[in-house]
Protein backbone atom coordinates (compact mmCIF):
# COMPACT_ATOMS: atom_id res chain seq x y z
CA MET A 1 26.82 -68.56 97.33
CA SER A 2 24.19 -68.41 94.62
CA THR A 3 21.94 -71.22 93.39
CA THR A 4 20.78 -72.21 89.94
CA THR A 5 19.09 -75.07 88.09
CA MET A 6 20.85 -76.90 85.27
CA THR A 7 19.66 -75.44 81.99
CA PRO A 8 20.92 -75.46 78.38
CA VAL A 9 22.75 -72.17 79.11
CA HIS A 10 25.30 -74.16 81.14
CA GLN A 11 26.00 -76.59 78.31
CA SER A 12 28.90 -76.89 75.91
CA ALA A 13 27.55 -80.20 74.56
CA PRO A 14 24.06 -81.69 74.98
CA TRP A 15 25.27 -83.83 77.89
CA GLU A 16 27.93 -81.60 79.53
CA TRP A 17 27.58 -78.67 81.94
CA ALA A 18 29.94 -76.12 83.48
CA LEU A 19 29.68 -75.64 87.25
CA GLU A 20 30.69 -72.11 88.15
CA PRO A 21 32.58 -71.28 91.38
CA ARG A 22 30.48 -70.66 94.52
CA THR A 23 27.24 -71.68 92.78
CA ALA A 24 25.12 -74.57 94.01
CA THR A 25 23.31 -76.17 91.08
CA ARG A 26 20.09 -78.15 91.43
CA LEU A 27 19.75 -81.22 89.24
CA PRO A 28 16.03 -82.02 88.97
CA ALA A 29 14.73 -85.58 89.25
CA ALA A 30 14.35 -87.67 86.10
CA PRO A 31 12.30 -90.82 85.47
CA VAL A 32 15.40 -92.78 84.42
CA VAL A 33 18.71 -93.81 86.02
CA ARG A 34 21.52 -91.35 85.25
CA TRP A 35 25.25 -91.09 85.92
CA LEU A 36 27.13 -87.92 86.80
CA LEU A 37 30.67 -87.95 85.37
CA VAL A 38 33.21 -85.28 86.31
CA THR A 39 35.07 -84.33 83.14
CA THR A 40 37.17 -81.54 84.73
CA GLY A 41 37.74 -80.38 88.29
CA ARG A 42 36.27 -81.43 91.61
CA VAL A 43 32.55 -81.68 92.49
CA TRP A 44 30.58 -81.78 95.72
CA LEU A 45 27.32 -83.71 95.33
CA THR A 46 24.45 -84.36 97.75
CA ARG A 47 20.99 -85.88 97.34
CA SER A 48 18.14 -83.45 98.07
CA GLY A 49 16.00 -84.40 101.04
CA ALA A 50 18.45 -87.06 102.26
CA GLY A 51 19.21 -85.17 105.47
CA LEU A 52 22.33 -85.87 107.47
CA ALA A 53 22.17 -89.59 106.66
CA GLY A 54 22.41 -88.82 102.92
CA GLY A 55 26.06 -87.87 103.12
CA ASP A 56 28.16 -85.73 100.84
CA VAL A 57 29.91 -87.19 97.82
CA TRP A 58 33.18 -85.72 96.50
CA LEU A 59 34.20 -86.56 92.94
CA GLN A 60 37.40 -85.78 91.02
CA THR A 61 38.07 -85.64 87.28
CA GLY A 62 37.20 -89.01 85.73
CA GLU A 63 35.03 -90.23 88.62
CA ARG A 64 31.31 -90.92 88.28
CA HIS A 65 28.33 -91.43 90.56
CA PRO A 66 24.96 -93.15 89.89
CA LEU A 67 21.82 -91.02 90.23
CA PRO A 68 18.77 -93.26 90.81
CA ALA A 69 15.54 -92.55 88.93
CA GLY A 70 13.38 -90.01 90.73
CA SER A 71 16.25 -88.51 92.74
CA GLU A 72 17.03 -84.79 92.89
CA TRP A 73 20.59 -83.62 93.58
CA VAL A 74 22.56 -80.49 94.45
CA LEU A 75 26.09 -80.10 93.12
CA GLU A 76 28.83 -77.52 93.15
CA GLY A 77 32.24 -77.23 91.52
CA TRP A 78 35.15 -76.79 93.94
CA PRO A 79 36.23 -74.28 92.79
CA ALA A 80 34.81 -74.92 89.30
CA ALA A 81 34.16 -78.05 87.26
CA ARG A 82 32.59 -79.57 84.18
CA VAL A 83 30.25 -82.55 84.43
CA ALA A 84 28.59 -84.88 81.96
CA LEU A 85 25.11 -86.16 82.70
CA LEU A 86 24.61 -89.60 81.16
CA GLU A 87 21.41 -91.63 80.95
CA VAL A 88 21.09 -95.38 80.80
CA PRO A 89 19.94 -96.36 77.28
CA GLN A 90 16.22 -97.00 77.05
CA ARG A 91 14.78 -100.27 75.82
CA ALA A 92 13.23 -100.08 72.36
CA SER A 93 9.79 -100.70 73.84
CA SER A 94 9.92 -97.74 76.26
CA PRO A 95 7.90 -94.58 75.50
CA ALA A 96 11.11 -92.52 75.26
CA ALA A 97 12.63 -94.92 72.71
CA ARG A 98 9.42 -95.02 70.67
CA SER A 99 9.35 -91.22 70.61
CA TRP A 100 12.97 -91.11 69.39
CA ARG A 101 12.34 -93.75 66.71
CA ALA A 102 9.26 -91.89 65.44
CA ARG A 103 11.47 -88.92 64.48
CA TRP A 104 13.71 -91.01 62.23
CA PRO A 105 12.66 -92.55 58.92
CA ALA A 106 12.61 -96.32 58.66
CA PRO A 107 15.70 -97.79 56.98
CA VAL A 108 15.39 -98.66 53.31
CA LEU A 109 16.22 -102.27 52.58
CA HIS A 110 17.39 -103.22 49.11
CA ALA A 111 16.99 -106.66 47.59
CA ALA A 112 20.25 -108.44 46.80
């Protein structure tokens, strides 16, 4: 079995990844809550560093699992799968939201 880290090479859309057969994929920690959604196939998921008490999670097409902020995970398609990685929307006052807003021009309001 080989290992890899999720990168843009695995993506078909900005939020979706392909999990190849017999390849464990590391999902690095993020500062926000995320959800892993299985769009196709079956996925084995386990939290890094959780030990035996962490437990394995098995997900089928259409099922999802919450990934707490700061948690790192390892996942593998059985035999192959596609997953979507979704983030909880950020409040407008968060640094991430301010960064996103700074890239877009302010709306133009017209007088009636």
